[in-house]
Amino acid sequence: MIEAVRERAETAREQEAKRKQREKRKPFNLTTGQTVVNLALSPDGKYIIATMAEQATGAKNAIVPNYVTESAYTEDIPNRTKVGDTQGRTRLVIIDVETGEMKPVDHGQRQPAPTTRRK
């Protein structure tokens, strides 16, 4: 029985080594607050063009009450961030399928300068 367990463990190690040799691609990880909106694979299969959305940090949504509901209770209506708050941003990136390296696409538009709010 011990010999059978050893053989199974050796077979599992061999299969894992073969799988790693076949699948050299590395995973691509998103940071906190990032989501992928759209993906497109290049015709040669070496690159992925991705549209990434990043949430705004510190932005608060306005609370809008809905008084007329089927439940007869006041419910909140989902709303967007306020005008003066930091807005989320969307970026276009190219991801190398083999290495997982991400390169942003320079589309010629600049990020707007942060505005100062008067009190």
N, C-alpha and C. Protein backbone atom coordinates (compact mmCIF):
# COMPACT_ATOMS: atom_id res chain seq x y z
N MET A 1 0.82 -1.19 0.00
CA MET A 1 0.00 0.00 0.00
C MET A 1 0.86 1.26 0.00
N ILE A 2 1.93 1.25 0.76
CA ILE A 2 2.82 2.41 0.81
C ILE A 2 3.42 2.64 -0.57
N GLU A 3 3.75 1.59 -1.27
CA GLU A 3 4.31 1.71 -2.61
C GLU A 3 3.30 2.36 -3.57
N ALA A 4 2.03 2.03 -3.45
CA ALA A 4 0.99 2.61 -4.31
C ALA A 4 0.86 4.12 -4.06
N VAL A 5 0.96 4.53 -2.79
CA VAL A 5 0.89 5.95 -2.45
C VAL A 5 2.08 6.69 -3.04
N ARG A 6 3.26 6.09 -2.97
CA ARG A 6 4.46 6.70 -3.55
C ARG A 6 4.32 6.86 -5.06
N GLU A 7 3.80 5.81 -5.72
CA GLU A 7 3.61 5.87 -7.17
C GLU A 7 2.61 6.97 -7.56
N ARG A 8 1.55 7.10 -6.81
CA ARG A 8 0.56 8.15 -7.09
C ARG A 8 1.17 9.54 -6.91
N ALA A 9 1.97 9.70 -5.85
CA ALA A 9 2.61 10.99 -5.60
C ALA A 9 3.60 11.33 -6.72
N GLU A 10 4.36 10.33 -7.17
CA GLU A 10 5.31 10.55 -8.26
C GLU A 10 4.57 10.89 -9.56
N THR A 11 3.48 10.20 -9.84
CA THR A 11 2.68 10.48 -11.04
C THR A 11 2.12 11.90 -10.98
N ALA A 12 1.64 12.30 -9.82
CA ALA A 12 1.09 13.65 -9.67
C ALA A 12 2.18 14.70 -9.89
N ARG A 13 3.38 14.48 -9.38
CA ARG A 13 4.49 15.42 -9.59
C ARG A 13 4.86 15.51 -11.07
N GLU A 14 4.90 14.35 -11.75
CA GLU A 14 5.22 14.34 -13.18
C GLU A 14 4.16 15.09 -13.99
N GLN A 15 2.89 14.87 -13.68
CA GLN A 15 1.82 15.56 -14.39
C GLN A 15 1.87 17.06 -14.15
N GLU A 16 2.18 17.47 -12.93
CA GLU A 16 2.28 18.90 -12.61
C GLU A 16 3.45 19.52 -13.37
N ALA A 17 4.57 18.83 -13.47
CA ALA A 17 5.73 19.35 -14.21
C ALA A 17 5.39 19.48 -15.70
N LYS A 18 4.68 18.50 -16.26
CA LYS A 18 4.27 18.56 -17.67
C LYS A 18 3.31 19.72 -17.90
N ARG A 19 2.37 19.91 -16.97
CA ARG A 19 1.40 21.00 -17.10
C ARG A 19 2.11 22.35 -17.06
N LYS A 20 3.06 22.52 -16.15
CA LYS A 20 3.79 23.79 -16.07
C LYS A 20 4.60 24.04 -17.32
N GLN A 21 5.14 22.98 -17.91
CA GLN A 21 5.91 23.14 -19.14
C GLN A 21 5.00 23.54 -20.30
N ARG A 22 3.80 22.97 -20.37
CA ARG A 22 2.84 23.31 -21.43
C ARG A 22 2.28 24.71 -21.26
N GLU A 23 1.94 25.05 -20.04
CA GLU A 23 1.27 26.32 -19.75
C GLU A 23 2.27 27.30 -19.14
N LYS A 24 2.98 28.01 -20.00
CA LYS A 24 3.99 28.95 -19.53
C LYS A 24 3.40 30.32 -19.23
N ARG A 25 2.15 30.49 -19.52
CA ARG A 25 1.52 31.79 -19.31
C ARG A 25 1.38 32.10 -17.83
N LYS A 26 1.61 33.34 -17.51
CA LYS A 26 1.49 33.78 -16.13
C LYS A 26 0.16 34.50 -15.95
N PRO A 27 -0.45 34.39 -14.77
CA PRO A 27 -1.74 35.06 -14.56
C PRO A 27 -1.59 36.57 -14.48
N PHE A 28 -2.65 37.25 -14.85
CA PHE A 28 -2.71 38.70 -14.73
C PHE A 28 -3.64 39.02 -13.58
N ASN A 29 -3.16 39.79 -12.62
CA ASN A 29 -3.94 40.10 -11.43
C ASN A 29 -4.37 41.56 -11.44
N LEU A 30 -5.59 41.79 -11.05
CA LEU A 30 -6.12 43.14 -10.92
C LEU A 30 -5.86 43.65 -9.51
N THR A 31 -5.65 44.95 -9.39
CA THR A 31 -5.49 45.53 -8.07
C THR A 31 -6.88 45.84 -7.50
N THR A 32 -6.93 46.18 -6.25
CA THR A 32 -8.19 46.50 -5.59
C THR A 32 -8.83 47.72 -6.26
N GLY A 33 -10.09 47.61 -6.59
CA GLY A 33 -10.81 48.72 -7.20
C GLY A 33 -10.80 48.69 -8.72
N GLN A 34 -10.06 47.76 -9.33
CA GLN A 34 -10.03 47.67 -10.79
C GLN A 34 -11.01 46.60 -11.27
N THR A 35 -11.65 46.88 -12.40
CA THR A 35 -12.49 45.90 -13.06
C THR A 35 -12.19 45.94 -14.55
N VAL A 36 -12.41 44.82 -15.22
CA VAL A 36 -12.21 44.75 -16.67
C VAL A 36 -13.55 44.98 -17.32
N VAL A 37 -13.61 45.99 -18.19
CA VAL A 37 -14.85 46.34 -18.86
C VAL A 37 -14.97 45.59 -20.19
N ASN A 38 -13.84 45.46 -20.91
CA ASN A 38 -13.87 44.86 -22.23
C ASN A 38 -12.52 44.20 -22.51
N LEU A 39 -12.53 43.06 -23.22
CA LEU A 39 -11.31 42.36 -23.63
C LEU A 39 -11.37 42.05 -25.11
N ALA A 40 -10.20 42.11 -25.78
CA ALA A 40 -10.11 41.71 -27.18
C ALA A 40 -8.75 41.05 -27.39
N LEU A 41 -8.74 39.87 -27.98
CA LEU A 41 -7.51 39.13 -28.25
C LEU A 41 -6.97 39.53 -29.62
N SER A 42 -5.66 39.73 -29.70
CA SER A 42 -5.05 40.08 -30.99
C SER A 42 -5.13 38.89 -31.93
N PRO A 43 -5.09 39.10 -33.24
CA PRO A 43 -5.22 38.00 -34.20
C PRO A 43 -4.14 36.91 -34.02
N ASP A 44 -2.94 37.30 -33.60
CA ASP A 44 -1.89 36.30 -33.41
C ASP A 44 -1.95 35.62 -32.04
N GLY A 45 -2.82 36.08 -31.16
CA GLY A 45 -3.01 35.46 -29.85
C GLY A 45 -1.94 35.80 -28.83
N LYS A 46 -1.08 36.78 -29.12
CA LYS A 46 0.02 37.11 -28.21
C LYS A 46 -0.33 38.24 -27.25
N TYR A 47 -1.33 39.05 -27.59
CA TYR A 47 -1.66 40.21 -26.78
C TYR A 47 -3.17 40.30 -26.56
N ILE A 48 -3.52 40.94 -25.46
CA ILE A 48 -4.92 41.22 -25.14
C ILE A 48 -5.05 42.73 -24.98
N ILE A 49 -6.04 43.30 -25.61
CA ILE A 49 -6.35 44.71 -25.42
C ILE A 49 -7.51 44.76 -24.42
N ALA A 50 -7.28 45.43 -23.31
CA ALA A 50 -8.28 45.46 -22.24
C ALA A 50 -8.64 46.89 -21.89
N THR A 51 -9.91 47.10 -21.60
CA THR A 51 -10.38 48.37 -21.07
C THR A 51 -10.57 48.16 -19.57
N MET A 52 -9.82 48.91 -18.78
CA MET A 52 -9.83 48.76 -17.33
C MET A 52 -10.51 49.97 -16.70
N ALA A 53 -11.39 49.73 -15.77
CA ALA A 53 -12.06 50.81 -15.03
C ALA A 53 -11.54 50.79 -13.60
N GLU A 54 -11.22 51.97 -13.10
CA GLU A 54 -10.75 52.11 -11.72
C GLU A 54 -11.73 52.97 -10.95
N GLN A 55 -12.13 52.50 -9.80
CA GLN A 55 -13.08 53.24 -8.97
C GLN A 55 -12.42 54.47 -8.39
N ALA A 56 -13.21 55.48 -8.18
CA ALA A 56 -12.72 56.70 -7.53
C ALA A 56 -12.61 56.43 -6.04
N THR A 57 -11.53 56.91 -5.45
CA THR A 57 -11.37 56.73 -4.01
C THR A 57 -11.88 57.96 -3.28
N GLY A 58 -12.62 57.73 -2.24
CA GLY A 58 -13.12 58.84 -1.43
C GLY A 58 -14.37 59.50 -1.96
N ALA A 59 -14.88 59.05 -3.08
CA ALA A 59 -16.08 59.66 -3.64
C ALA A 59 -17.31 59.10 -2.92
N LYS A 60 -18.27 59.96 -2.68
CA LYS A 60 -19.51 59.54 -2.02
C LYS A 60 -20.67 59.71 -2.97
N ASN A 61 -21.58 58.79 -2.92
CA ASN A 61 -22.79 58.88 -3.74
C ASN A 61 -23.86 59.63 -2.95
N ALA A 62 -24.64 60.40 -3.66
CA ALA A 62 -25.75 61.10 -3.02
C ALA A 62 -26.86 60.09 -2.71
N ILE A 63 -27.54 60.31 -1.62
CA ILE A 63 -28.65 59.44 -1.24
C ILE A 63 -29.94 60.10 -1.71
N VAL A 64 -30.67 59.41 -2.58
CA VAL A 64 -31.92 59.94 -3.10
C VAL A 64 -33.03 59.00 -2.64
N PRO A 65 -33.93 59.47 -1.81
CA PRO A 65 -35.00 58.60 -1.34
C PRO A 65 -36.12 58.47 -2.36
N ASN A 66 -36.66 57.27 -2.44
CA ASN A 66 -37.82 57.01 -3.28
C ASN A 66 -38.99 56.75 -2.33
N TYR A 67 -39.93 57.67 -2.28
CA TYR A 67 -41.03 57.58 -1.32
C TYR A 67 -42.18 56.72 -1.82
N VAL A 68 -42.35 56.59 -3.11
CA VAL A 68 -43.47 55.83 -3.66
C VAL A 68 -42.95 54.48 -4.14
N THR A 69 -43.14 53.44 -3.31
CA THR A 69 -42.65 52.10 -3.65
C THR A 69 -43.77 51.09 -3.44
N GLU A 70 -43.57 49.90 -3.99
CA GLU A 70 -44.55 48.83 -3.82
C GLU A 70 -44.61 48.35 -2.37
N SER A 71 -43.46 48.42 -1.68
CA SER A 71 -43.42 47.94 -0.30
C SER A 71 -43.98 48.95 0.71
N ALA A 72 -44.24 50.17 0.27
CA ALA A 72 -44.76 51.26 1.10
C ALA A 72 -43.70 51.79 2.07
N TYR A 73 -42.46 51.36 1.91
CA TYR A 73 -41.36 51.88 2.71
C TYR A 73 -40.46 52.74 1.82
N THR A 74 -39.79 53.70 2.42
CA THR A 74 -38.86 54.54 1.68
C THR A 74 -37.63 53.71 1.32
N GLU A 75 -37.25 53.73 0.04
CA GLU A 75 -36.08 53.00 -0.43
C GLU A 75 -35.12 53.99 -1.09
N ASP A 76 -33.83 53.66 -1.05
CA ASP A 76 -32.82 54.52 -1.67
C ASP A 76 -32.68 54.19 -3.15
N ILE A 77 -32.54 55.23 -3.96
CA ILE A 77 -32.30 55.07 -5.40
C ILE A 77 -30.80 55.16 -5.63
N PRO A 78 -30.20 54.19 -6.32
CA PRO A 78 -28.76 54.29 -6.59
C PRO A 78 -28.47 55.54 -7.41
N ASN A 79 -27.38 56.23 -7.07
CA ASN A 79 -27.07 57.48 -7.72
C ASN A 79 -25.58 57.54 -8.03
N ARG A 80 -25.18 58.42 -8.91
CA ARG A 80 -23.76 58.57 -9.26
C ARG A 80 -23.07 59.50 -8.26
N THR A 81 -21.75 59.62 -8.41
CA THR A 81 -21.00 60.49 -7.52
C THR A 81 -21.33 61.95 -7.78
N LYS A 82 -21.06 62.77 -6.81
CA LYS A 82 -21.33 64.20 -6.94
C LYS A 82 -20.33 64.83 -7.91
N VAL A 83 -20.69 65.97 -8.46
CA VAL A 83 -19.91 66.61 -9.51
C VAL A 83 -18.50 66.97 -9.05
N GLY A 84 -18.32 67.52 -7.89
CA GLY A 84 -17.01 67.96 -7.45
C GLY A 84 -16.12 66.86 -6.91
N ASP A 85 -16.66 65.67 -6.67
CA ASP A 85 -15.87 64.57 -6.13
C ASP A 85 -14.97 63.97 -7.19
N THR A 86 -14.00 63.20 -6.74
CA THR A 86 -13.10 62.49 -7.64
C THR A 86 -13.90 61.48 -8.45
N GLN A 87 -13.68 61.47 -9.75
CA GLN A 87 -14.40 60.56 -10.63
C GLN A 87 -13.53 59.34 -10.94
N GLY A 88 -14.17 58.23 -11.24
CA GLY A 88 -13.44 57.04 -11.66
C GLY A 88 -12.82 57.27 -13.03
N ARG A 89 -11.87 56.42 -13.40
CA ARG A 89 -11.26 56.59 -14.71
C ARG A 89 -11.18 55.27 -15.43
N THR A 90 -11.13 55.34 -16.74
CA THR A 90 -11.04 54.17 -17.59
C THR A 90 -9.74 54.26 -18.39
N ARG A 91 -9.01 53.15 -18.45
CA ARG A 91 -7.75 53.12 -19.19
C ARG A 91 -7.78 51.98 -20.20
N LEU A 92 -7.02 52.16 -21.27
CA LEU A 92 -6.84 51.13 -22.28
C LEU A 92 -5.44 50.59 -22.11
N VAL A 93 -5.31 49.26 -21.96
CA VAL A 93 -4.00 48.64 -21.74
C VAL A 93 -3.81 47.47 -22.69
N ILE A 94 -2.54 47.16 -22.95
CA ILE A 94 -2.18 45.98 -23.74
C ILE A 94 -1.48 45.02 -22.79
N ILE A 95 -1.96 43.78 -22.75
CA ILE A 95 -1.42 42.77 -21.85
C ILE A 95 -0.72 41.70 -22.68
N ASP A 96 0.53 41.41 -22.35
CA ASP A 96 1.27 40.34 -23.00
C ASP A 96 0.78 39.02 -22.42
N VAL A 97 0.31 38.12 -23.27
CA VAL A 97 -0.28 36.86 -22.80
C VAL A 97 0.76 35.98 -22.12
N GLU A 98 1.98 35.95 -22.63
CA GLU A 98 3.02 35.09 -22.08
C GLU A 98 3.50 35.54 -20.71
N THR A 99 3.76 36.83 -20.55
CA THR A 99 4.36 37.32 -19.30
C THR A 99 3.37 37.97 -18.35
N GLY A 100 2.20 38.37 -18.83
CA GLY A 100 1.23 39.07 -18.00
C GLY A 100 1.57 40.54 -17.81
N GLU A 101 2.59 41.03 -18.54
CA GLU A 101 3.00 42.43 -18.42
C GLU A 101 1.94 43.33 -19.03
N MET A 102 1.63 44.43 -18.33
CA MET A 102 0.60 45.37 -18.76
C MET A 102 1.24 46.69 -19.18
N LYS A 103 0.90 47.16 -20.38
CA LYS A 103 1.41 48.45 -20.86
C LYS A 103 0.23 49.34 -21.18
N PRO A 104 0.17 50.55 -20.59
CA PRO A 104 -0.93 51.46 -20.91
C PRO A 104 -0.79 52.00 -22.33
N VAL A 105 -1.91 52.25 -22.98
CA VAL A 105 -1.93 52.82 -24.33
C VAL A 105 -1.96 54.33 -24.21
N ASP A 106 -1.02 54.99 -24.87
CA ASP A 106 -0.99 56.45 -24.89
C ASP A 106 -1.89 56.92 -26.02
N HIS A 107 -3.06 57.43 -25.68
CA HIS A 107 -4.04 57.84 -26.70
C HIS A 107 -4.02 59.33 -26.94
N GLY A 108 -3.04 60.02 -26.36
CA GLY A 108 -2.88 61.44 -26.62
C GLY A 108 -3.69 62.36 -25.74
N GLN A 109 -4.58 61.82 -24.94
CA GLN A 109 -5.37 62.66 -24.04
C GLN A 109 -4.70 62.71 -22.69
N ARG A 110 -4.69 63.86 -22.09
CA ARG A 110 -4.07 64.01 -20.78
C ARG A 110 -5.13 63.92 -19.69
N GLN A 111 -4.68 63.49 -18.54
CA GLN A 111 -5.57 63.46 -17.39
C GLN A 111 -5.82 64.89 -16.96
N PRO A 112 -7.06 65.25 -16.64
CA PRO A 112 -7.32 66.62 -16.18
C PRO A 112 -6.63 66.89 -14.85
N ALA A 113 -6.17 68.12 -14.70
CA ALA A 113 -5.52 68.52 -13.45
C ALA A 113 -6.55 68.52 -12.34
N PRO A 114 -6.13 68.14 -11.13
CA PRO A 114 -7.09 68.17 -10.02
C PRO A 114 -7.58 69.58 -9.76
N THR A 115 -8.85 69.70 -9.54
CA THR A 115 -9.43 71.02 -9.29
C THR A 115 -9.50 71.26 -7.79
N THR A 116 -9.37 72.51 -7.42
CA THR A 116 -9.52 72.87 -6.02
C THR A 116 -10.93 73.37 -5.81
N ARG A 117 -11.51 72.94 -4.72
CA ARG A 117 -12.89 73.34 -4.42
C ARG A 117 -12.87 74.49 -3.44
N ARG A 118 -13.69 75.46 -3.73
CA ARG A 118 -13.83 76.60 -2.80
C ARG A 118 -14.87 76.27 -1.77
N LYS A 119 -14.64 76.77 -0.59
CA LYS A 119 -15.58 76.49 0.51
C LYS A 119 -16.58 77.59 0.66
